[in-house]
Amino acid sequence: AKNAIATPPKTAVEAHIILVDNSGSNRQIAEALKRGAGYLHAVCGQIAGDATLAMIFFSDHCDGELLMQEADYTSPGKEGENVLRASIDQIQGASGGDEPEAIECAMLRACELDFGHIAKDKRYLYLVSDQVAHGMGYNGSDSGCPDQKDWKKSLKKVHDTYGSFQVVASGQDRETFALQKQFIAKDRLQYDLMDLATGALSHDERCRLVTNALLLFVARNRGFQTVSTFLMILVEKWLAEPQYGSNTLPKARQQIKDFCQYLEVDDKKKAELLEQIFAGVDSGK
């Protein structure tokens, strides 16, 4: 286990950093990501073989030593997967205190990391949360950041440090989701804020999808061809391990279609991609 993020492996040309809300309200989502760490690492190895991956599990200041818990950079391959699994096993669930979480401080921590030789445009930051940072306008219990960190300054630091920042909204509250839109520039909202919150997904479905939502962003950051490869891997997995019995194929088709809305291509290109992905399935192969 390596529970302090050090420096990227020399062989890596990209760094993908994942911030995971580890508070009480997002506990089951965080646990789903922890259970799926091996799968996350393995698929990253398939679609981003020259990248390195690190994770920061955060909650709120009242959690003391559990506020920030880390899993160090790992590279594709069995050894890296074993290190990530061992590191994730050390991550403890936290509480969270008031409703907003210390996202303002988690973003700053992500900007303090040592990226070594990896250029800014090859650094990618992802946030998975059902909440907002302190001071973002939550209409309820917001005790503020005791370290007096401003979320807007933290967000600016993210943009100064990373090539891209993408958010997976993992909750189910529409008002909170509306506030989460502040994390993303208006012209990027339709692409960089993954909405698992306001549709018809059940909580169990969100838990199943969250790891793949992250992987879609990882794939998209690599280019359209990588997206195609990832979605084919995903459909094969879903059909090999059907979660919905005889309804698995229609569910898979709908979810892939939903994922495609986050691709920066026209509708014709999306339709062609869907046809390509399901061609073998529809022909009975």
C-alpha atoms as a PDB file:
ATOM      1  CA  ALA A   1       0.000   0.000   0.000  1.00  0.00           C
ATOM      2  CA  LYS A   2       1.166   3.509  -0.865  1.00  0.00           C
ATOM      3  CA  ASN A   3      -1.069   6.065   0.809  1.00  0.00           C
ATOM      4  CA  ALA A   4       0.858   9.253   0.082  1.00  0.00           C
ATOM      5  CA  ILE A   5       1.011  10.611  -3.447  1.00  0.00           C
ATOM      6  CA  ALA A   6       4.674  11.048  -4.415  1.00  0.00           C
ATOM      7  CA  THR A   7       5.911  11.543  -7.984  1.00  0.00           C
ATOM      8  CA  PRO A   8       4.672  10.098 -11.284  1.00  0.00           C
ATOM      9  CA  PRO A   9       6.518   7.101 -12.741  1.00  0.00           C
ATOM     10  CA  LYS A  10       9.132   8.159 -15.272  1.00  0.00           C
ATOM     11  CA  THR A  11       7.425   6.095 -17.966  1.00  0.00           C
ATOM     12  CA  ALA A  12       4.130   8.003 -17.665  1.00  0.00           C
ATOM     13  CA  VAL A  13       3.215  10.733 -20.139  1.00  0.00           C
ATOM     14  CA  GLU A  14      -0.190  11.522 -18.603  1.00  0.00           C
ATOM     15  CA  ALA A  15      -1.495  11.902 -15.043  1.00  0.00           C
ATOM     16  CA  HIS A  16      -5.139  11.232 -14.157  1.00  0.00           C
ATOM     17  CA  ILE A  17      -6.094  12.383 -10.636  1.00  0.00           C
ATOM     18  CA  ILE A  18      -9.473  11.402  -9.190  1.00  0.00           C
ATOM     19  CA  LEU A  19     -11.042  13.266  -6.250  1.00  0.00           C
ATOM     20  CA  VAL A  20     -13.643  11.076  -4.528  1.00  0.00           C
ATOM     21  CA  ASP A  21     -16.163  12.438  -2.024  1.00  0.00           C
ATOM     22  CA  ASN A  22     -15.775  10.022   0.889  1.00  0.00           C
ATOM     23  CA  SER A  23     -18.343  11.619   3.212  1.00  0.00           C
ATOM     24  CA  GLY A  24     -21.383   9.921   4.706  1.00  0.00           C
ATOM     25  CA  SER A  25     -23.894  11.010   2.064  1.00  0.00           C
ATOM     26  CA  ASN A  26     -21.665   9.768  -0.765  1.00  0.00           C
ATOM     27  CA  ARG A  27     -20.441   6.698   1.116  1.00  0.00           C
ATOM     28  CA  GLN A  28     -21.959   4.065  -1.149  1.00  0.00           C
ATOM     29  CA  ILE A  29     -20.643   5.782  -4.276  1.00  0.00           C
ATOM     30  CA  ALA A  30     -17.164   5.937  -2.719  1.00  0.00           C
ATOM     31  CA  GLU A  31     -17.425   2.267  -1.715  1.00  0.00           C
ATOM     32  CA  ALA A  32     -18.443   1.365  -5.270  1.00  0.00           C
ATOM     33  CA  LEU A  33     -15.344   3.130  -6.576  1.00  0.00           C
ATOM     34  CA  LYS A  34     -13.190   1.332  -4.022  1.00  0.00           C
ATOM     35  CA  ARG A  35     -14.650  -2.037  -5.046  1.00  0.00           C
ATOM     36  CA  GLY A  36     -14.140  -1.142  -8.684  1.00  0.00           C
ATOM     37  CA  ALA A  37     -10.519   0.011  -8.266  1.00  0.00           C
ATOM     38  CA  GLY A  38      -9.125  -3.100  -9.930  1.00  0.00           C
ATOM     39  CA  TYR A  39     -11.494  -2.726 -12.875  1.00  0.00           C
ATOM     40  CA  LEU A  40     -10.731   1.001 -13.111  1.00  0.00           C
ATOM     41  CA  HIS A  41      -7.014   0.304 -13.176  1.00  0.00           C
ATOM     42  CA  ALA A  42      -7.278  -2.556 -15.679  1.00  0.00           C
ATOM     43  CA  VAL A  43      -9.401  -0.605 -18.171  1.00  0.00           C
ATOM     44  CA  CYS A  44      -7.165   2.452 -17.807  1.00  0.00           C
ATOM     45  CA  GLY A  45      -4.318   0.125 -18.744  1.00  0.00           C
ATOM     46  CA  GLN A  46      -6.194  -0.858 -21.906  1.00  0.00           C
ATOM     47  CA  ILE A  47      -7.184   2.630 -23.014  1.00  0.00           C
ATOM     48  CA  ALA A  48      -4.402   4.742 -21.471  1.00  0.00           C
ATOM     49  CA  GLY A  49      -1.370   2.493 -21.308  1.00  0.00           C
ATOM     50  CA  ASP A  50       1.119   5.363 -21.031  1.00  0.00           C
ATOM     51  CA  ALA A  51      -0.707   7.092 -18.166  1.00  0.00           C
ATOM     52  CA  THR A  52      -0.514   7.059 -14.381  1.00  0.00           C
ATOM     53  CA  LEU A  53      -3.461   7.156 -11.975  1.00  0.00           C
ATOM     54  CA  ALA A  54      -3.809   8.516  -8.434  1.00  0.00           C
ATOM     55  CA  MET A  55      -6.809   9.004  -6.135  1.00  0.00           C
ATOM     56  CA  ILE A  56      -7.670  11.360  -3.280  1.00  0.00           C
ATOM     57  CA  PHE A  57     -10.595  10.454  -1.019  1.00  0.00           C
ATOM     58  CA  PHE A  58     -11.810  13.546   0.855  1.00  0.00           C
ATOM     59  CA  SER A  59     -14.596  14.516   3.228  1.00  0.00           C
ATOM     60  CA  ASP A  60     -14.795  17.520   5.567  1.00  0.00           C
ATOM     61  CA  HIS A  61     -12.598  19.236   8.146  1.00  0.00           C
ATOM     62  CA  CYS A  62     -14.386  17.686  11.123  1.00  0.00           C
ATOM     63  CA  ASP A  63     -13.002  14.292  10.080  1.00  0.00           C
ATOM     64  CA  GLY A  64      -9.462  15.171  11.135  1.00  0.00           C
ATOM     65  CA  GLU A  65      -6.935  12.685   9.777  1.00  0.00           C
ATOM     66  CA  LEU A  66      -9.604  11.178   7.535  1.00  0.00           C
ATOM     67  CA  LEU A  67     -10.137  14.486   5.698  1.00  0.00           C
ATOM     68  CA  MET A  68      -7.710  13.534   2.916  1.00  0.00           C
ATOM     69  CA  GLN A  69      -6.728   9.928   2.201  1.00  0.00           C
ATOM     70  CA  GLU A  70      -4.611   9.108  -0.812  1.00  0.00           C
ATOM     71  CA  ALA A  71      -3.641   6.317  -3.161  1.00  0.00           C
ATOM     72  CA  ASP A  72      -0.310   6.945  -4.889  1.00  0.00           C
ATOM     73  CA  TYR A  73       0.396   7.051  -8.621  1.00  0.00           C
ATOM     74  CA  THR A  74       0.282   3.628 -10.238  1.00  0.00           C
ATOM     75  CA  SER A  75       1.091   2.481 -13.765  1.00  0.00           C
ATOM     76  CA  PRO A  76      -0.774  -0.081 -15.904  1.00  0.00           C
ATOM     77  CA  GLY A  77      -0.015  -3.721 -15.194  1.00  0.00           C
ATOM     78  CA  LYS A  78      -0.593  -6.252 -12.444  1.00  0.00           C
ATOM     79  CA  GLU A  79       1.899  -4.724 -10.023  1.00  0.00           C
ATOM     80  CA  GLY A  80       0.267  -1.311 -10.310  1.00  0.00           C
ATOM     81  CA  GLU A  81      -3.175  -2.856  -9.867  1.00  0.00           C
ATOM     82  CA  ASN A  82      -2.050  -4.687  -6.732  1.00  0.00           C
ATOM     83  CA  VAL A  83      -0.584  -1.494  -5.265  1.00  0.00           C
ATOM     84  CA  LEU A  84      -3.791   0.429  -5.986  1.00  0.00           C
ATOM     85  CA  ARG A  85      -5.953  -2.301  -4.444  1.00  0.00           C
ATOM     86  CA  ALA A  86      -3.744  -2.416  -1.343  1.00  0.00           C
ATOM     87  CA  SER A  87      -3.780   1.366  -1.029  1.00  0.00           C
ATOM     88  CA  ILE A  88      -7.561   1.536  -1.464  1.00  0.00           C
ATOM     89  CA  ASP A  89      -7.964  -1.094   1.269  1.00  0.00           C
ATOM     90  CA  GLN A  90      -6.457   1.418   3.705  1.00  0.00           C
ATOM     91  CA  ILE A  91      -9.023   4.139   2.916  1.00  0.00           C
ATOM     92  CA  GLN A  92     -11.526   4.561   5.750  1.00  0.00           C
ATOM     93  CA  GLY A  93     -15.049   5.909   5.454  1.00  0.00           C
ATOM     94  CA  ALA A  94     -15.555   9.413   6.854  1.00  0.00           C
ATOM     95  CA  SER A  95     -18.467  11.506   8.126  1.00  0.00           C
ATOM     96  CA  GLY A  96     -18.589  14.931   6.552  1.00  0.00           C
ATOM     97  CA  GLY A  97     -20.117  17.310   9.108  1.00  0.00           C
ATOM     98  CA  ASP A  98     -22.265  19.965   7.413  1.00  0.00           C
ATOM     99  CA  GLU A  99     -23.785  19.371   3.985  1.00  0.00           C
ATOM    100  CA  PRO A 100     -21.053  20.918   1.764  1.00  0.00           C
ATOM    101  CA  GLU A 101     -17.725  19.094   1.758  1.00  0.00           C
ATOM    102  CA  ALA A 102     -14.139  20.376   1.755  1.00  0.00           C
ATOM    103  CA  ILE A 103     -13.958  20.324  -2.029  1.00  0.00           C
ATOM    104  CA  GLU A 104     -12.254  23.705  -1.970  1.00  0.00           C
ATOM    105  CA  CYS A 105      -9.377  22.127  -0.011  1.00  0.00           C
ATOM    106  CA  ALA A 106      -9.383  18.866  -2.004  1.00  0.00           C
ATOM    107  CA  MET A 107      -8.924  20.862  -5.203  1.00  0.00           C
ATOM    108  CA  LEU A 108      -5.999  22.727  -3.652  1.00  0.00           C
ATOM    109  CA  ARG A 109      -4.416  19.453  -2.541  1.00  0.00           C
ATOM    110  CA  ALA A 110      -4.711  18.145  -6.089  1.00  0.00           C
ATOM    111  CA  CYS A 111      -2.849  21.244  -7.284  1.00  0.00           C
ATOM    112  CA  GLU A 112      -0.023  20.739  -4.782  1.00  0.00           C
ATOM    113  CA  LEU A 113       0.959  17.344  -6.174  1.00  0.00           C
ATOM    114  CA  ASP A 114       4.366  16.804  -7.737  1.00  0.00           C
ATOM    115  CA  PHE A 115       3.765  16.185 -11.445  1.00  0.00           C
ATOM    116  CA  GLY A 116       7.439  15.840 -12.257  1.00  0.00           C
ATOM    117  CA  HIS A 117       7.981  15.712 -16.008  1.00  0.00           C
ATOM    118  CA  ILE A 118       4.281  15.602 -16.958  1.00  0.00           C
ATOM    119  CA  ALA A 119       3.167  18.718 -18.848  1.00  0.00           C
ATOM    120  CA  LYS A 120       0.047  20.673 -17.856  1.00  0.00           C
ATOM    121  CA  ASP A 121      -1.950  19.613 -20.912  1.00  0.00           C
ATOM    122  CA  LYS A 122      -1.388  15.969 -19.968  1.00  0.00           C
ATOM    123  CA  ARG A 123      -2.760  16.382 -16.442  1.00  0.00           C
ATOM    124  CA  TYR A 124      -6.431  15.526 -15.941  1.00  0.00           C
ATOM    125  CA  LEU A 125      -8.479  16.108 -12.787  1.00  0.00           C
ATOM    126  CA  TYR A 126     -11.824  14.436 -12.034  1.00  0.00           C
ATOM    127  CA  LEU A 127     -14.258  15.046  -9.153  1.00  0.00           C
ATOM    128  CA  VAL A 128     -16.939  12.588  -8.009  1.00  0.00           C
ATOM    129  CA  SER A 129     -19.337  14.089  -5.468  1.00  0.00           C
ATOM    130  CA  ASP A 130     -22.968  14.492  -4.494  1.00  0.00           C
ATOM    131  CA  GLN A 131     -22.212  17.855  -2.899  1.00  0.00           C
ATOM    132  CA  VAL A 132     -20.737  21.304  -3.389  1.00  0.00           C
ATOM    133  CA  ALA A 133     -17.830  23.124  -1.768  1.00  0.00           C
ATOM    134  CA  HIS A 134     -18.308  25.513   1.138  1.00  0.00           C
ATOM    135  CA  GLY A 135     -19.566  28.896   0.032  1.00  0.00           C
ATOM    136  CA  MET A 136     -21.206  27.766  -3.206  1.00  0.00           C
ATOM    137  CA  GLY A 137     -24.686  28.819  -2.100  1.00  0.00           C
ATOM    138  CA  TYR A 138     -26.048  25.680  -0.463  1.00  0.00           C
ATOM    139  CA  ASN A 139     -29.434  26.552   1.070  1.00  0.00           C
ATOM    140  CA  GLY A 140     -29.009  24.809   4.398  1.00  0.00           C
ATOM    141  CA  SER A 141     -26.228  23.862   6.769  1.00  0.00           C
ATOM    142  CA  ASP A 142     -22.955  25.410   5.555  1.00  0.00           C
ATOM    143  CA  SER A 143     -20.467  26.097   8.329  1.00  0.00           C
ATOM    144  CA  GLY A 144     -17.901  27.448   5.885  1.00  0.00           C
ATOM    145  CA  CYS A 145     -14.298  26.421   5.404  1.00  0.00           C
ATOM    146  CA  PRO A 146     -12.406  26.729   8.707  1.00  0.00           C
ATOM    147  CA  ASP A 147      -9.205  27.218   6.712  1.00  0.00           C
ATOM    148  CA  GLN A 148     -10.822  30.185   4.958  1.00  0.00           C
ATOM    149  CA  LYS A 149     -10.243  28.730   1.496  1.00  0.00           C
ATOM    150  CA  ASP A 150     -12.370  30.210  -1.278  1.00  0.00           C
ATOM    151  CA  TRP A 151     -13.745  27.665  -3.765  1.00  0.00           C
ATOM    152  CA  LYS A 152     -13.449  30.118  -6.672  1.00  0.00           C
ATOM    153  CA  LYS A 153      -9.725  30.611  -6.008  1.00  0.00           C
ATOM    154  CA  SER A 154      -9.321  26.845  -5.671  1.00  0.00           C
ATOM    155  CA  LEU A 155     -11.070  26.324  -9.004  1.00  0.00           C
ATOM    156  CA  LYS A 156      -8.836  28.915 -10.672  1.00  0.00           C
ATOM    157  CA  LYS A 157      -5.816  27.076  -9.290  1.00  0.00           C
ATOM    158  CA  VAL A 158      -7.163  23.869 -10.836  1.00  0.00           C
ATOM    159  CA  HIS A 159      -7.374  25.525 -14.245  1.00  0.00           C
ATOM    160  CA  ASP A 160      -3.864  26.906 -13.817  1.00  0.00           C
ATOM    161  CA  THR A 161      -2.540  23.426 -12.952  1.00  0.00           C
ATOM    162  CA  TYR A 162      -4.509  20.963 -15.091  1.00  0.00           C
ATOM    163  CA  GLY A 163      -5.303  20.597 -18.752  1.00  0.00           C
ATOM    164  CA  SER A 164      -8.924  19.699 -17.965  1.00  0.00           C
ATOM    165  CA  PHE A 165     -11.338  19.317 -15.051  1.00  0.00           C
ATOM    166  CA  GLN A 166     -14.417  17.104 -15.229  1.00  0.00           C
ATOM    167  CA  VAL A 167     -17.114  16.394 -12.651  1.00  0.00           C
ATOM    168  CA  VAL A 168     -19.345  13.365 -12.068  1.00  0.00           C
ATOM    169  CA  ALA A 169     -22.445  14.439 -10.145  1.00  0.00           C
ATOM    170  CA  SER A 170     -23.249  11.333  -8.107  1.00  0.00           C
ATOM    171  CA  GLY A 171     -26.157  12.500  -5.933  1.00  0.00           C
ATOM    172  CA  GLN A 172     -29.886  12.667  -6.449  1.00  0.00           C
ATOM    173  CA  ASP A 173     -30.783  16.207  -5.375  1.00  0.00           C
ATOM    174  CA  ARG A 174     -31.652  18.543  -8.239  1.00  0.00           C
ATOM    175  CA  GLU A 175     -30.952  21.747  -6.299  1.00  0.00           C
ATOM    176  CA  THR A 176     -27.473  20.555  -5.356  1.00  0.00           C
ATOM    177  CA  PHE A 177     -26.838  19.486  -8.940  1.00  0.00           C
ATOM    178  CA  ALA A 178     -27.786  22.984 -10.117  1.00  0.00           C
ATOM    179  CA  LEU A 179     -25.175  24.427  -7.745  1.00  0.00           C
ATOM    180  CA  GLN A 180     -22.557  21.951  -8.959  1.00  0.00           C
ATOM    181  CA  LYS A 181     -22.790  23.549 -12.397  1.00  0.00           C
ATOM    182  CA  GLN A 182     -20.635  26.359 -10.984  1.00  0.00           C
ATOM    183  CA  PHE A 183     -17.627  24.016 -11.150  1.00  0.00           C
ATOM    184  CA  ILE A 184     -17.748  24.069 -14.967  1.00  0.00           C
ATOM    185  CA  ALA A 185     -17.641  26.975 -17.435  1.00  0.00           C
ATOM    186  CA  LYS A 186     -20.996  27.492 -19.188  1.00  0.00           C
ATOM    187  CA  ASP A 187     -19.635  26.598 -22.610  1.00  0.00           C
ATOM    188  CA  ARG A 188     -18.338  23.270 -21.230  1.00  0.00           C
ATOM    189  CA  LEU A 189     -21.351  22.231 -19.123  1.00  0.00           C
ATOM    190  CA  GLN A 190     -22.805  19.783 -21.633  1.00  0.00           C
ATOM    191  CA  TYR A 191     -19.463  17.988 -21.913  1.00  0.00           C
ATOM    192  CA  ASP A 192     -17.665  18.208 -18.556  1.00  0.00           C
ATOM    193  CA  LEU A 193     -20.450  17.692 -15.988  1.00  0.00           C
ATOM    194  CA  MET A 194     -21.666  14.084 -15.987  1.00  0.00           C
ATOM    195  CA  ASP A 195     -25.251  14.074 -14.709  1.00  0.00           C
ATOM    196  CA  LEU A 196     -26.034  10.898 -12.801  1.00  0.00           C
ATOM    197  CA  ALA A 197     -28.305  12.915 -10.515  1.00  0.00           C
ATOM    198  CA  THR A 198     -31.391  14.199 -12.292  1.00  0.00           C
ATOM    199  CA  GLY A 199     -32.407  11.347 -14.611  1.00  0.00           C
ATOM    200  CA  ALA A 200     -34.275   8.136 -13.939  1.00  0.00           C
ATOM    201  CA  LEU A 201     -31.300   6.244 -12.483  1.00  0.00           C
ATOM    202  CA  SER A 202     -31.784   4.403  -9.214  1.00  0.00           C
ATOM    203  CA  HIS A 203     -29.182   4.669  -6.471  1.00  0.00           C
ATOM    204  CA  ASP A 204     -27.944   1.151  -7.278  1.00  0.00           C
ATOM    205  CA  GLU A 205     -27.564   2.114 -10.936  1.00  0.00           C
ATOM    206  CA  ARG A 206     -25.530   5.183 -10.001  1.00  0.00           C
ATOM    207  CA  CYS A 207     -23.237   2.981  -7.927  1.00  0.00           C
ATOM    208  CA  ARG A 208     -22.814   0.615 -10.879  1.00  0.00           C
ATOM    209  CA  LEU A 209     -22.191   3.411 -13.375  1.00  0.00           C
ATOM    210  CA  VAL A 210     -19.866   5.755 -11.501  1.00  0.00           C
ATOM    211  CA  THR A 211     -16.613   3.946 -12.351  1.00  0.00           C
ATOM    212  CA  ASN A 212     -17.567   3.770 -16.018  1.00  0.00           C
ATOM    213  CA  ALA A 213     -18.527   7.454 -15.976  1.00  0.00           C
ATOM    214  CA  LEU A 214     -14.959   8.246 -14.943  1.00  0.00           C
ATOM    215  CA  LEU A 215     -13.561   5.901 -17.566  1.00  0.00           C
ATOM    216  CA  LEU A 216     -15.626   7.618 -20.255  1.00  0.00           C
ATOM    217  CA  PHE A 217     -13.964  10.921 -19.363  1.00  0.00           C
ATOM    218  CA  VAL A 218     -10.533   9.259 -19.357  1.00  0.00           C
ATOM    219  CA  ALA A 219     -11.247   7.781 -22.789  1.00  0.00           C
ATOM    220  CA  ARG A 220     -12.627  11.037 -24.161  1.00  0.00           C
ATOM    221  CA  ASN A 221      -9.509  12.890 -23.039  1.00  0.00           C
ATOM    222  CA  ARG A 222      -7.527  10.441 -25.178  1.00  0.00           C
ATOM    223  CA  GLY A 223      -9.585  10.979 -28.321  1.00  0.00           C
ATOM    224  CA  PHE A 224     -12.581   9.608 -30.217  1.00  0.00           C
ATOM    225  CA  GLN A 225     -10.970   6.308 -31.183  1.00  0.00           C
ATOM    226  CA  THR A 226     -10.243   5.566 -27.515  1.00  0.00           C
ATOM    227  CA  VAL A 227     -13.872   6.300 -26.674  1.00  0.00           C
ATOM    228  CA  SER A 228     -14.950   3.768 -29.281  1.00  0.00           C
ATOM    229  CA  THR A 229     -12.583   1.160 -27.826  1.00  0.00           C
ATOM    230  CA  PHE A 230     -13.788   1.798 -24.272  1.00  0.00           C
ATOM    231  CA  LEU A 231     -17.486   1.605 -25.138  1.00  0.00           C
ATOM    232  CA  MET A 232     -16.945  -1.704 -26.930  1.00  0.00           C
ATOM    233  CA  ILE A 233     -15.152  -3.048 -23.852  1.00  0.00           C
ATOM    234  CA  LEU A 234     -18.044  -1.818 -21.715  1.00  0.00           C
ATOM    235  CA  VAL A 235     -20.788  -3.427 -23.806  1.00  0.00           C
ATOM    236  CA  GLU A 236     -18.909  -6.736 -23.831  1.00  0.00           C
ATOM    237  CA  LYS A 237     -18.587  -6.579 -20.038  1.00  0.00           C
ATOM    238  CA  TRP A 238     -22.261  -5.773 -19.511  1.00  0.00           C
ATOM    239  CA  LEU A 239     -23.429  -8.581 -21.766  1.00  0.00           C
ATOM    240  CA  ALA A 240     -20.985 -11.070 -20.197  1.00  0.00           C
ATOM    241  CA  GLU A 241     -22.137 -10.096 -16.687  1.00  0.00           C
ATOM    242  CA  PRO A 242     -25.808  -9.139 -17.207  1.00  0.00           C
ATOM    243  CA  GLN A 243     -27.128  -7.027 -14.342  1.00  0.00           C
ATOM    244  CA  TYR A 244     -30.679  -6.771 -15.672  1.00  0.00           C
ATOM    245  CA  GLY A 245     -31.332 -10.275 -16.977  1.00  0.00           C
ATOM    246  CA  SER A 246     -33.122 -10.286 -20.320  1.00  0.00           C
ATOM    247  CA  ASN A 247     -33.381  -6.493 -20.141  1.00  0.00           C
ATOM    248  CA  THR A 248     -29.592  -6.012 -20.096  1.00  0.00           C
ATOM    249  CA  LEU A 249     -29.165  -5.289 -23.810  1.00  0.00           C
ATOM    250  CA  PRO A 250     -31.828  -2.513 -23.959  1.00  0.00           C
ATOM    251  CA  LYS A 251     -30.366  -1.043 -20.752  1.00  0.00           C
ATOM    252  CA  ALA A 252     -26.849  -1.158 -22.194  1.00  0.00           C
ATOM    253  CA  ARG A 253     -27.984   0.448 -25.431  1.00  0.00           C
ATOM    254  CA  GLN A 254     -29.690   3.290 -23.562  1.00  0.00           C
ATOM    255  CA  GLN A 255     -26.733   3.910 -21.267  1.00  0.00           C
ATOM    256  CA  ILE A 256     -24.250   3.983 -24.140  1.00  0.00           C
ATOM    257  CA  LYS A 257     -26.554   6.463 -25.888  1.00  0.00           C
ATOM    258  CA  ASP A 258     -26.629   8.574 -22.724  1.00  0.00           C
ATOM    259  CA  PHE A 259     -22.837   8.468 -22.496  1.00  0.00           C
ATOM    260  CA  CYS A 260     -22.586   9.621 -26.106  1.00  0.00           C
ATOM    261  CA  GLN A 261     -24.188  12.959 -25.241  1.00  0.00           C
ATOM    262  CA  TYR A 262     -20.881  13.912 -23.581  1.00  0.00           C
ATOM    263  CA  LEU A 263     -18.876  13.389 -26.758  1.00  0.00           C
ATOM    264  CA  GLU A 264     -17.814  16.468 -28.698  1.00  0.00           C
ATOM    265  CA  VAL A 265     -18.976  15.172 -32.078  1.00  0.00           C
ATOM    266  CA  ASP A 266     -22.100  15.731 -34.192  1.00  0.00           C
ATOM    267  CA  ASP A 267     -25.204  13.553 -34.077  1.00  0.00           C
ATOM    268  CA  LYS A 268     -24.229  11.695 -37.260  1.00  0.00           C
ATOM    269  CA  LYS A 269     -20.905  10.664 -35.708  1.00  0.00           C
ATOM    270  CA  LYS A 270     -22.677   9.517 -32.536  1.00  0.00           C
ATOM    271  CA  ALA A 271     -25.156   7.437 -34.562  1.00  0.00           C
ATOM    272  CA  GLU A 272     -22.301   5.820 -36.486  1.00  0.00           C
ATOM    273  CA  LEU A 273     -20.525   5.034 -33.224  1.00  0.00           C
ATOM    274  CA  LEU A 274     -23.627   3.392 -31.738  1.00  0.00           C
ATOM    275  CA  GLU A 275     -24.105   1.320 -34.894  1.00  0.00           C
ATOM    276  CA  GLN A 276     -20.467   0.226 -34.788  1.00  0.00           C
ATOM    277  CA  ILE A 277     -20.595  -0.730 -31.111  1.00  0.00           C
ATOM    278  CA  PHE A 278     -23.745  -2.844 -31.384  1.00  0.00           C
ATOM    279  CA  ALA A 279     -23.195  -4.251 -34.883  1.00  0.00           C
ATOM    280  CA  GLY A 280     -21.852  -7.577 -33.660  1.00  0.00           C
ATOM    281  CA  VAL A 281     -24.550  -7.889 -30.977  1.00  0.00           C
ATOM    282  CA  ASP A 282     -27.400  -7.103 -33.361  1.00  0.00           C
ATOM    283  CA  SER A 283     -26.131  -9.581 -35.934  1.00  0.00           C
ATOM    284  CA  GLY A 284     -26.053 -12.307 -33.274  1.00  0.00           C
ATOM    285  CA  LYS A 285     -22.265 -12.690 -33.246  1.00  0.00           C
END
